[in-house]
Amino acid sequence: MVFVAGAAALGWTSCRLADQGVANLLGLETLRHGTNLINYLGIKTFGGLPSHGFKSTGSTKGFHPDNTTGAFYTFKDSEWDLEADSKNKHPILSKIILNLGFIFKRVSPIGHSGLAGYNATLNYLHLPSPDSQTHLKITNLFIIIIGTLGGLVTMLTIPTIKFRLTPNEIKEKFNNDPSYDGMAYKTAHKIDMWKIGVLGTMTQGLNLGVFRRIAQNPCKSLTGVVQLTAAVGLGVLGLSLYPAAASLVVPATIGMALLA
């Protein structure tokens, strides 16, 4: 059983790395969005809908200082950067964030998954927001604990949604999210479901514009080559370590990677 789990982990990582590698090789931008299970399934089915902004089960309700109605939010990819004001106000912190941007742009959506999981847990259990409580403090604490547990489970189990878009589409339809100092986008346009994950890589990346995108950002395409090479290496390693589990693990890991 341990062998199967180990092979599955290597296979899943290999598939995910290959998917990201192909997207980078084709010069696509990967915009990330974290949410809870119900919203995840809805976005996978209908796409990213700005009309759902600020909904009660989203990540901004009760946590975001602004009204996010009518907008859909994602974290940036290549354009991940901090605005000048933020760099000047917190130079040391800004330098750390910039140097570790490849981590922060993947971790930040997971944080929003937790917030969305918190809100969804309270909403589906019909528990009021702690801010609206006027009863005993123990009641507030209980609600916060229940919501936090729901948020933690969501963070650990729900994958980040990856939208694959061309740089031109991002320039035309997206604006900077002022609340994230140049690290996130917002849009009033729907992001279609066929622009998500592997399907998004294929539909958006396999066209004549690929040569222009590679020429405009060769480092991104080179990163994709490295990721694909690593993915093949991990896949071969997994099969060599656990050859007996291949018949079970390979189809399962490919399926999980496609769903994620």
Protein backbone atom coordinates (compact mmCIF):
# COMPACT_ATOMS: atom_id res chain seq x y z
CA MET A 1 0.00 0.00 0.00
CA VAL A 2 2.87 2.33 0.83
CA PHE A 3 4.46 1.57 -2.55
CA VAL A 4 1.23 2.43 -4.36
CA ALA A 5 0.92 5.71 -2.42
CA GLY A 6 4.54 6.61 -3.19
CA ALA A 7 4.12 5.85 -6.87
CA ALA A 8 0.87 7.82 -6.98
CA ALA A 9 2.54 10.84 -5.37
CA LEU A 10 5.39 10.79 -7.88
CA GLY A 11 2.99 10.23 -10.78
CA TRP A 12 0.67 13.04 -9.69
CA THR A 13 3.58 15.44 -9.26
CA SER A 14 4.94 14.44 -12.65
CA CYS A 15 1.60 15.06 -14.40
CA ARG A 16 1.08 18.42 -12.73
CA LEU A 17 4.63 19.48 -13.55
CA ALA A 18 4.21 18.39 -17.16
CA ASP A 19 0.95 20.36 -17.46
CA GLN A 20 2.61 23.51 -16.13
CA GLY A 21 5.65 22.89 -18.31
CA VAL A 22 3.60 22.67 -21.50
CA ALA A 23 1.73 25.87 -20.59
CA ASN A 24 5.00 27.74 -20.01
CA LEU A 25 6.56 26.29 -23.14
CA LEU A 26 3.63 27.61 -25.19
CA GLY A 27 4.00 31.06 -23.64
CA LEU A 28 0.72 31.02 -21.71
CA GLU A 29 0.04 32.82 -18.44
CA THR A 30 -1.28 30.74 -15.52
CA LEU A 31 -3.65 32.79 -13.38
CA ARG A 32 -4.53 31.09 -10.10
CA HIS A 33 -7.75 31.21 -8.07
CA GLY A 34 -8.44 29.51 -4.75
CA THR A 35 -11.91 28.69 -3.44
CA ASN A 36 -14.01 26.06 -1.63
CA LEU A 37 -15.40 22.78 -2.97
CA ILE A 38 -18.83 24.01 -4.15
CA ASN A 39 -17.41 27.07 -5.88
CA TYR A 40 -14.58 24.96 -7.31
CA LEU A 41 -17.06 22.62 -8.98
CA GLY A 42 -19.09 25.58 -10.22
CA ILE A 43 -16.06 27.29 -11.77
CA LYS A 44 -14.92 24.03 -13.34
CA THR A 45 -18.38 23.66 -14.88
CA PHE A 46 -19.34 27.23 -15.80
CA GLY A 47 -16.06 29.16 -15.66
CA GLY A 48 -15.10 32.16 -13.59
CA LEU A 49 -18.18 34.38 -13.20
CA PRO A 50 -17.76 38.01 -12.09
CA SER A 51 -21.44 38.01 -11.13
CA HIS A 52 -20.51 35.80 -8.16
CA GLY A 53 -18.14 38.38 -6.71
CA PHE A 54 -18.68 39.07 -2.99
CA LYS A 55 -21.01 36.07 -2.63
CA SER A 56 -21.52 34.73 0.88
CA THR A 57 -19.44 31.58 0.24
CA GLY A 58 -16.55 33.37 -1.45
CA SER A 59 -13.20 34.33 0.06
CA THR A 60 -13.78 38.10 0.20
CA LYS A 61 -17.05 38.31 2.13
CA GLY A 62 -16.15 39.60 5.58
CA PHE A 63 -12.42 39.62 4.88
CA HIS A 64 -11.99 42.12 2.03
CA PRO A 65 -12.13 45.86 2.79
CA ASP A 66 -13.75 46.69 -0.55
CA ASN A 67 -16.95 45.58 -2.23
CA THR A 68 -15.87 42.95 -4.79
CA THR A 69 -19.28 42.62 -6.46
CA GLY A 70 -19.10 42.20 -10.25
CA ALA A 71 -15.45 41.17 -10.40
CA PHE A 72 -13.51 37.92 -10.59
CA TYR A 73 -10.05 37.80 -9.01
CA THR A 74 -6.91 35.82 -9.82
CA PHE A 75 -3.26 35.93 -8.81
CA LYS A 76 -0.72 36.86 -11.47
CA ASP A 77 1.97 34.77 -13.12
CA SER A 78 4.78 36.47 -15.08
CA GLU A 79 3.50 39.93 -14.18
CA TRP A 80 3.78 39.17 -10.46
CA ASP A 81 5.40 42.25 -9.00
CA LEU A 82 4.98 44.79 -6.24
CA GLU A 83 3.93 48.34 -6.95
CA ALA A 84 6.38 51.14 -6.26
CA ASP A 85 4.47 52.42 -3.21
CA SER A 86 4.61 49.04 -1.53
CA LYS A 87 8.33 48.68 -2.25
CA ASN A 88 9.05 52.07 -0.70
CA LYS A 89 6.89 51.53 2.39
CA HIS A 90 8.22 48.07 3.24
CA PRO A 91 11.55 47.64 1.40
CA ILE A 92 12.82 44.59 3.31
CA LEU A 93 9.50 42.72 3.19
CA SER A 94 9.03 43.66 -0.45
CA LYS A 95 12.45 42.26 -1.34
CA ILE A 96 11.64 38.97 0.37
CA ILE A 97 8.28 38.71 -1.42
CA LEU A 98 9.84 39.47 -4.80
CA ASN A 99 12.67 36.98 -4.35
CA LEU A 100 10.21 34.30 -3.28
CA GLY A 101 7.52 35.29 -5.75
CA PHE A 102 7.44 31.83 -7.33
CA ILE A 103 6.28 30.52 -3.93
CA PHE A 104 3.96 33.37 -2.95
CA LYS A 105 1.98 33.27 -6.21
CA ARG A 106 1.20 29.61 -5.54
CA VAL A 107 0.57 29.90 -1.79
CA SER A 108 -1.61 33.02 -1.93
CA PRO A 109 -4.53 31.30 -3.72
CA ILE A 110 -4.42 28.55 -1.08
CA GLY A 111 -4.97 31.22 1.55
CA HIS A 112 -8.09 32.32 -0.29
CA SER A 113 -9.22 28.70 -0.39
CA GLY A 114 -9.10 28.75 3.38
CA LEU A 115 -11.12 31.97 3.59
CA ALA A 116 -13.70 30.60 1.15
CA GLY A 117 -13.84 27.35 3.14
CA TYR A 118 -14.41 29.34 6.33
CA ASN A 119 -17.30 31.31 4.83
CA ALA A 120 -18.83 28.27 3.15
CA THR A 121 -18.73 26.24 6.37
CA LEU A 122 -20.61 28.92 8.31
CA ASN A 123 -23.03 29.46 5.42
CA TYR A 124 -23.96 25.82 4.86
CA LEU A 125 -24.27 25.17 8.62
CA HIS A 126 -26.44 28.29 8.89
CA LEU A 127 -24.14 29.81 11.50
CA PRO A 128 -24.04 33.61 11.75
CA SER A 129 -20.84 35.56 11.28
CA PRO A 130 -18.99 36.09 14.58
CA ASP A 131 -19.06 39.84 13.91
CA SER A 132 -22.85 39.83 14.12
CA GLN A 133 -22.98 37.99 17.44
CA THR A 134 -24.15 39.89 20.50
CA HIS A 135 -24.28 36.87 22.81
CA LEU A 136 -21.64 35.19 24.93
CA LYS A 137 -18.04 35.27 23.76
CA ILE A 138 -17.95 31.48 23.96
CA THR A 139 -20.48 31.41 21.13
CA ASN A 140 -18.22 33.57 18.99
CA LEU A 141 -15.28 31.31 19.76
CA PHE A 142 -17.23 28.18 18.83
CA ILE A 143 -18.27 29.66 15.48
CA ILE A 144 -14.71 30.77 14.71
CA ILE A 145 -13.35 27.29 15.51
CA ILE A 146 -15.94 25.59 13.28
CA GLY A 147 -15.23 27.99 10.41
CA THR A 148 -11.47 27.64 10.83
CA LEU A 149 -11.68 23.84 10.70
CA GLY A 150 -13.69 24.11 7.49
CA GLY A 151 -11.09 26.48 6.08
CA LEU A 152 -8.20 24.15 6.96
CA VAL A 153 -9.89 21.15 5.36
CA THR A 154 -10.53 23.20 2.23
CA MET A 155 -6.90 24.35 2.04
CA LEU A 156 -5.65 20.78 2.32
CA THR A 157 -8.06 19.14 -0.12
CA ILE A 158 -9.23 21.58 -2.82
CA PRO A 159 -6.73 22.25 -5.66
CA THR A 160 -6.02 25.73 -6.92
CA ILE A 161 -7.83 26.50 -10.18
CA LYS A 162 -5.39 27.39 -12.96
CA PHE A 163 -6.65 29.54 -15.81
CA ARG A 164 -4.48 29.42 -18.94
CA LEU A 165 -4.63 32.66 -20.92
CA THR A 166 -2.58 34.46 -23.54
CA PRO A 167 -0.80 37.69 -22.54
CA ASN A 168 -2.91 39.62 -25.08
CA GLU A 169 -6.19 38.51 -23.52
CA ILE A 170 -4.95 39.52 -20.08
CA LYS A 171 -4.02 42.99 -21.35
CA GLU A 172 -7.45 43.41 -22.92
CA LYS A 173 -9.68 42.08 -20.15
CA PHE A 174 -7.83 42.34 -16.82
CA ASN A 175 -6.87 45.17 -14.48
CA ASN A 176 -4.64 45.28 -11.43
CA ASP A 177 -6.30 44.48 -8.12
CA PRO A 178 -5.50 47.57 -6.00
CA SER A 179 -5.74 45.55 -2.78
CA TYR A 180 -2.79 43.34 -3.68
CA ASP A 181 -0.14 45.89 -4.70
CA GLY A 182 0.48 44.52 -8.20
CA MET A 183 0.28 40.81 -7.37
CA ALA A 184 -3.28 40.08 -8.53
CA TYR A 185 -5.77 40.85 -11.30
CA LYS A 186 -9.48 41.51 -11.38
CA THR A 187 -11.80 41.31 -14.37
CA ALA A 188 -15.42 42.05 -15.18
CA HIS A 189 -15.30 39.46 -17.98
CA LYS A 190 -16.25 35.81 -17.65
CA ILE A 191 -13.32 33.36 -17.90
CA ASP A 192 -14.61 30.34 -19.82
CA MET A 193 -14.24 26.85 -18.36
CA TRP A 194 -12.32 25.61 -21.39
CA LYS A 195 -9.48 27.91 -20.36
CA ILE A 196 -8.81 25.90 -17.19
CA GLY A 197 -5.99 23.38 -16.67
CA VAL A 198 -4.93 20.96 -19.38
CA LEU A 199 -7.90 21.84 -21.58
CA GLY A 200 -6.97 25.51 -21.30
CA THR A 201 -3.38 24.76 -22.25
CA MET A 202 -4.51 23.00 -25.41
CA THR A 203 -7.22 25.43 -26.49
CA GLN A 204 -5.27 28.59 -25.77
CA GLY A 205 -1.72 27.47 -26.51
CA LEU A 206 -1.87 25.46 -29.72
CA ASN A 207 -2.22 28.23 -32.29
CA LEU A 208 -0.03 30.33 -34.59
CA GLY A 209 0.45 32.90 -31.85
CA VAL A 210 2.73 30.49 -29.99
CA PHE A 211 5.80 31.63 -31.92
CA ARG A 212 5.17 35.27 -31.04
CA ARG A 213 4.64 34.41 -27.37
CA ILE A 214 7.86 32.42 -27.23
CA ALA A 215 9.77 35.27 -28.85
CA GLN A 216 8.31 37.77 -26.38
CA ASN A 217 9.13 35.68 -23.30
CA PRO A 218 11.83 33.09 -24.11
CA CYS A 219 12.71 32.59 -20.43
CA LYS A 220 9.18 31.36 -19.73
CA SER A 221 9.37 28.84 -22.57
CA LEU A 222 12.80 27.69 -21.38
CA THR A 223 11.35 27.19 -17.91
CA GLY A 224 8.69 25.01 -19.51
CA VAL A 225 11.36 22.84 -21.13
CA VAL A 226 13.05 22.37 -17.76
CA GLN A 227 9.74 21.49 -16.11
CA LEU A 228 8.90 18.96 -18.81
CA THR A 229 12.32 17.35 -18.44
CA ALA A 230 11.82 17.11 -14.67
CA ALA A 231 8.33 15.67 -15.18
CA VAL A 232 9.65 12.91 -17.41
CA GLY A 233 12.39 12.17 -14.89
CA LEU A 234 9.92 11.89 -12.01
CA GLY A 235 7.63 9.69 -14.08
CA VAL A 236 10.45 7.31 -14.99
CA LEU A 237 11.63 7.26 -11.37
CA GLY A 238 8.16 6.38 -10.14
CA LEU A 239 7.78 3.53 -12.61
CA SER A 240 11.24 2.19 -11.83
CA LEU A 241 10.67 2.23 -8.07
CA TYR A 242 7.17 0.80 -8.17
CA PRO A 243 6.76 -1.16 -11.45
CA ALA A 244 4.15 -3.47 -9.95
CA ALA A 245 1.89 -0.52 -9.13
CA ALA A 246 2.04 1.02 -12.61
CA SER A 247 -1.20 -0.57 -13.87
CA LEU A 248 -3.14 1.02 -11.01
CA VAL A 249 -1.24 4.23 -10.44
CA VAL A 250 -0.69 5.59 -13.95
CA PRO A 251 -4.37 5.92 -14.95
CA ALA A 252 -5.31 7.25 -11.50
CA THR A 253 -2.61 9.91 -11.38
CA ILE A 254 -3.35 11.10 -14.91
CA GLY A 255 -7.02 11.37 -14.00
CA MET A 256 -6.27 13.34 -10.83
CA ALA A 257 -3.96 15.70 -12.72
CA LEU A 258 -6.62 16.34 -15.36
CA LEU A 259 -9.25 17.09 -12.74
CA ALA A 260 -6.94 19.42 -10.83
